[in-house]
């Protein structure tokens, strides 16, 4: 499903850090070394059909790297 984030991501929480991330070896191989974290947050997103909804998003990031592999997890009520 294609989507884009409209505005800022809020209510950001850390889900996992370092070796607690199951995908850590793949992240390091693909993007490089760093203190990787898996985070979640809520944001307004625009779907491919043009509708705007609030959703929970998950992603990975490390110092010096922008958000990687942004995933839509579920829709939230406005």
N, C-alpha and C. Protein backbone atom coordinates (compact mmCIF):
# COMPACT_ATOMS: atom_id res chain seq x y z
N UNK A 1 0.84 -1.17 0.00
CA UNK A 1 0.00 0.00 0.00
C UNK A 1 0.90 1.24 0.00
N UNK A 2 0.67 2.12 -0.94
CA UNK A 2 1.44 3.35 -1.03
C UNK A 2 0.84 4.42 -0.12
N UNK A 3 1.70 5.14 0.59
CA UNK A 3 1.25 6.25 1.41
C UNK A 3 2.39 7.25 1.56
N UNK A 4 2.02 8.48 1.98
CA UNK A 4 3.05 9.46 2.31
C UNK A 4 2.61 10.17 3.59
N UNK A 5 3.59 10.53 4.39
CA UNK A 5 3.32 11.18 5.67
C UNK A 5 2.99 12.65 5.41
N UNK A 6 1.90 13.10 6.02
CA UNK A 6 1.46 14.49 5.91
C UNK A 6 1.73 15.14 7.27
N UNK A 7 2.66 16.06 7.36
CA UNK A 7 2.99 16.69 8.64
C UNK A 7 4.06 15.92 9.39
N UNK A 8 4.00 16.04 10.71
CA UNK A 8 5.02 15.43 11.55
C UNK A 8 4.50 14.18 12.24
N UNK A 9 5.44 13.31 12.63
CA UNK A 9 5.11 12.10 13.38
C UNK A 9 5.17 12.44 14.87
N UNK A 10 4.11 12.13 15.60
CA UNK A 10 4.04 12.42 17.02
C UNK A 10 3.95 11.15 17.86
N UNK A 11 3.96 11.31 19.18
CA UNK A 11 3.87 10.18 20.12
C UNK A 11 4.92 9.12 19.83
N UNK A 12 6.14 9.55 19.57
CA UNK A 12 7.22 8.63 19.19
C UNK A 12 7.69 7.85 20.42
N UNK A 13 7.81 6.53 20.26
CA UNK A 13 8.30 5.64 21.31
C UNK A 13 9.34 4.71 20.73
N UNK A 14 10.34 4.37 21.53
CA UNK A 14 11.35 3.39 21.12
C UNK A 14 10.80 2.01 21.44
N UNK A 15 10.83 1.12 20.45
CA UNK A 15 10.36 -0.25 20.64
C UNK A 15 11.52 -1.16 21.00
N UNK A 16 12.65 -1.02 20.29
CA UNK A 16 13.80 -1.88 20.51
C UNK A 16 15.08 -1.12 20.16
N UNK A 17 16.19 -1.52 20.80
CA UNK A 17 17.49 -0.90 20.57
C UNK A 17 18.54 -1.99 20.42
N UNK A 18 19.47 -1.79 19.49
CA UNK A 18 20.61 -2.69 19.33
C UNK A 18 20.23 -4.13 19.05
N UNK A 19 20.80 -5.05 19.82
CA UNK A 19 20.62 -6.48 19.56
C UNK A 19 19.19 -6.96 19.79
N UNK A 20 18.32 -6.15 20.38
CA UNK A 20 16.91 -6.52 20.54
C UNK A 20 16.16 -6.41 19.21
N UNK A 21 16.76 -5.81 18.20
CA UNK A 21 16.15 -5.70 16.87
C UNK A 21 16.49 -6.96 16.08
N UNK A 22 15.46 -7.69 15.67
CA UNK A 22 15.67 -8.93 14.92
C UNK A 22 16.34 -8.69 13.57
N UNK A 23 16.11 -7.54 12.97
CA UNK A 23 16.63 -7.21 11.65
C UNK A 23 17.99 -6.52 11.69
N UNK A 24 18.65 -6.49 12.82
CA UNK A 24 19.90 -5.73 12.98
C UNK A 24 20.99 -6.12 11.97
N UNK A 25 21.29 -7.40 11.76
CA UNK A 25 22.33 -7.73 10.77
C UNK A 25 22.00 -7.23 9.36
N UNK A 26 20.73 -7.34 8.98
CA UNK A 26 20.32 -6.86 7.66
C UNK A 26 20.43 -5.34 7.55
N UNK A 27 20.03 -4.62 8.61
CA UNK A 27 20.13 -3.16 8.61
C UNK A 27 21.58 -2.71 8.47
N UNK A 28 22.46 -3.36 9.21
CA UNK A 28 23.89 -3.00 9.15
C UNK A 28 24.48 -3.30 7.78
N UNK A 29 24.07 -4.41 7.19
CA UNK A 29 24.59 -4.77 5.87
C UNK A 29 24.07 -3.81 4.81
N UNK A 30 22.81 -3.44 4.90
CA UNK A 30 22.18 -2.58 3.90
C UNK A 30 22.57 -1.12 4.04
N UNK A 31 22.56 -0.59 5.28
CA UNK A 31 22.74 0.85 5.49
C UNK A 31 24.04 1.23 6.21
N UNK A 32 24.66 0.30 6.92
CA UNK A 32 25.89 0.60 7.63
C UNK A 32 25.74 0.48 9.14
N UNK A 33 26.87 0.57 9.82
CA UNK A 33 26.86 0.44 11.27
C UNK A 33 26.27 1.68 11.91
N UNK A 34 25.82 1.52 13.12
CA UNK A 34 25.23 2.62 13.86
C UNK A 34 24.46 2.07 15.05
N UNK A 35 24.00 2.94 15.89
CA UNK A 35 23.17 2.53 17.04
C UNK A 35 21.72 2.52 16.57
N UNK A 36 21.33 1.39 15.98
CA UNK A 36 20.01 1.27 15.38
C UNK A 36 18.93 1.16 16.44
N UNK A 37 17.80 1.80 16.16
CA UNK A 37 16.62 1.74 17.02
C UNK A 37 15.40 1.50 16.16
N UNK A 38 14.45 0.76 16.72
CA UNK A 38 13.15 0.61 16.08
C UNK A 38 12.19 1.49 16.84
N UNK A 39 11.46 2.35 16.11
CA UNK A 39 10.56 3.30 16.74
C UNK A 39 9.15 3.17 16.19
N UNK A 40 8.21 3.73 16.95
CA UNK A 40 6.83 3.81 16.47
C UNK A 40 6.28 5.17 16.81
N UNK A 41 5.30 5.62 16.02
CA UNK A 41 4.66 6.89 16.25
C UNK A 41 3.38 7.00 15.44
N UNK A 42 2.66 8.09 15.67
CA UNK A 42 1.38 8.33 14.98
C UNK A 42 1.51 9.55 14.09
N UNK A 43 0.84 9.48 12.94
CA UNK A 43 0.88 10.61 12.00
C UNK A 43 -0.31 10.55 11.07
N UNK A 44 -0.60 11.69 10.45
CA UNK A 44 -1.58 11.71 9.38
C UNK A 44 -0.86 11.28 8.11
N UNK A 45 -1.49 10.38 7.37
CA UNK A 45 -0.90 9.91 6.12
C UNK A 45 -1.92 10.07 5.00
N UNK A 46 -1.40 10.26 3.80
CA UNK A 46 -2.25 10.31 2.61
C UNK A 46 -2.08 9.00 1.86
N UNK A 47 -3.19 8.30 1.63
CA UNK A 47 -3.16 7.03 0.91
C UNK A 47 -3.18 7.27 -0.59
N UNK A 48 -2.93 6.22 -1.35
CA UNK A 48 -2.86 6.34 -2.80
C UNK A 48 -4.17 6.80 -3.42
N UNK A 49 -5.31 6.59 -2.74
CA UNK A 49 -6.59 7.05 -3.28
C UNK A 49 -6.89 8.51 -2.92
N UNK A 50 -5.98 9.17 -2.19
CA UNK A 50 -6.12 10.58 -1.85
C UNK A 50 -6.73 10.85 -0.48
N UNK A 51 -7.21 9.82 0.20
CA UNK A 51 -7.80 10.03 1.53
C UNK A 51 -6.70 10.21 2.57
N UNK A 52 -6.99 11.03 3.58
CA UNK A 52 -6.04 11.32 4.66
C UNK A 52 -6.58 10.70 5.94
N UNK A 53 -5.77 9.85 6.58
CA UNK A 53 -6.16 9.15 7.80
C UNK A 53 -5.02 9.19 8.82
N UNK A 54 -5.36 8.96 10.08
CA UNK A 54 -4.35 8.87 11.13
C UNK A 54 -3.93 7.40 11.25
N UNK A 55 -2.63 7.16 11.38
CA UNK A 55 -2.13 5.79 11.41
C UNK A 55 -0.93 5.65 12.34
N UNK A 56 -0.69 4.42 12.77
CA UNK A 56 0.51 4.10 13.54
C UNK A 56 1.57 3.63 12.55
N UNK A 57 2.77 4.17 12.67
CA UNK A 57 3.88 3.85 11.78
C UNK A 57 5.04 3.27 12.59
N UNK A 58 5.79 2.36 11.99
CA UNK A 58 7.01 1.83 12.58
C UNK A 58 8.15 2.09 11.60
N UNK A 59 9.36 2.32 12.12
CA UNK A 59 10.52 2.55 11.28
C UNK A 59 11.80 2.31 12.08
N UNK A 60 12.93 2.28 11.36
CA UNK A 60 14.25 2.14 11.96
C UNK A 60 15.01 3.44 11.74
N UNK A 61 15.87 3.80 12.69
CA UNK A 61 16.77 4.92 12.47
C UNK A 61 17.99 4.77 13.37
N UNK A 62 19.07 5.41 12.95
CA UNK A 62 20.32 5.43 13.71
C UNK A 62 20.92 6.81 13.57
N UNK A 63 21.84 7.14 14.45
CA UNK A 63 22.50 8.44 14.39
C UNK A 63 23.17 8.60 13.03
N UNK A 64 22.87 9.68 12.35
CA UNK A 64 23.45 9.94 11.04
C UNK A 64 22.65 9.37 9.89
N UNK A 65 21.59 8.63 10.18
CA UNK A 65 20.73 8.06 9.14
C UNK A 65 19.32 8.59 9.33
N UNK A 66 18.65 8.86 8.23
CA UNK A 66 17.25 9.29 8.32
C UNK A 66 16.37 8.06 8.56
N UNK A 67 15.08 8.27 8.67
CA UNK A 67 14.14 7.17 8.88
C UNK A 67 14.26 6.18 7.73
N UNK A 68 14.35 4.91 8.06
CA UNK A 68 14.47 3.86 7.06
C UNK A 68 13.31 2.90 7.20
N UNK A 69 12.80 2.43 6.08
CA UNK A 69 11.78 1.38 6.02
C UNK A 69 10.53 1.71 6.82
N UNK A 70 9.94 2.85 6.52
CA UNK A 70 8.71 3.29 7.17
C UNK A 70 7.59 2.33 6.82
N UNK A 71 6.90 1.80 7.85
CA UNK A 71 5.85 0.81 7.64
C UNK A 71 4.55 1.28 8.28
N UNK A 72 3.46 1.08 7.59
CA UNK A 72 2.13 1.36 8.10
C UNK A 72 1.68 0.13 8.88
N UNK A 73 1.38 0.31 10.18
CA UNK A 73 0.98 -0.82 11.00
C UNK A 73 -0.51 -0.93 11.19
N UNK A 74 -1.18 0.20 11.47
CA UNK A 74 -2.64 0.15 11.63
C UNK A 74 -3.21 1.56 11.53
N UNK A 75 -4.50 1.60 11.21
CA UNK A 75 -5.20 2.88 11.16
C UNK A 75 -5.75 3.19 12.53
N UNK A 76 -5.74 4.48 12.90
CA UNK A 76 -6.26 4.93 14.18
C UNK A 76 -7.46 5.82 13.94
N UNK A 77 -8.29 5.97 14.96
CA UNK A 77 -9.43 6.85 14.84
C UNK A 77 -8.98 8.29 14.98
N UNK A 78 -9.55 9.19 14.20
CA UNK A 78 -9.20 10.60 14.29
C UNK A 78 -9.77 11.11 15.54
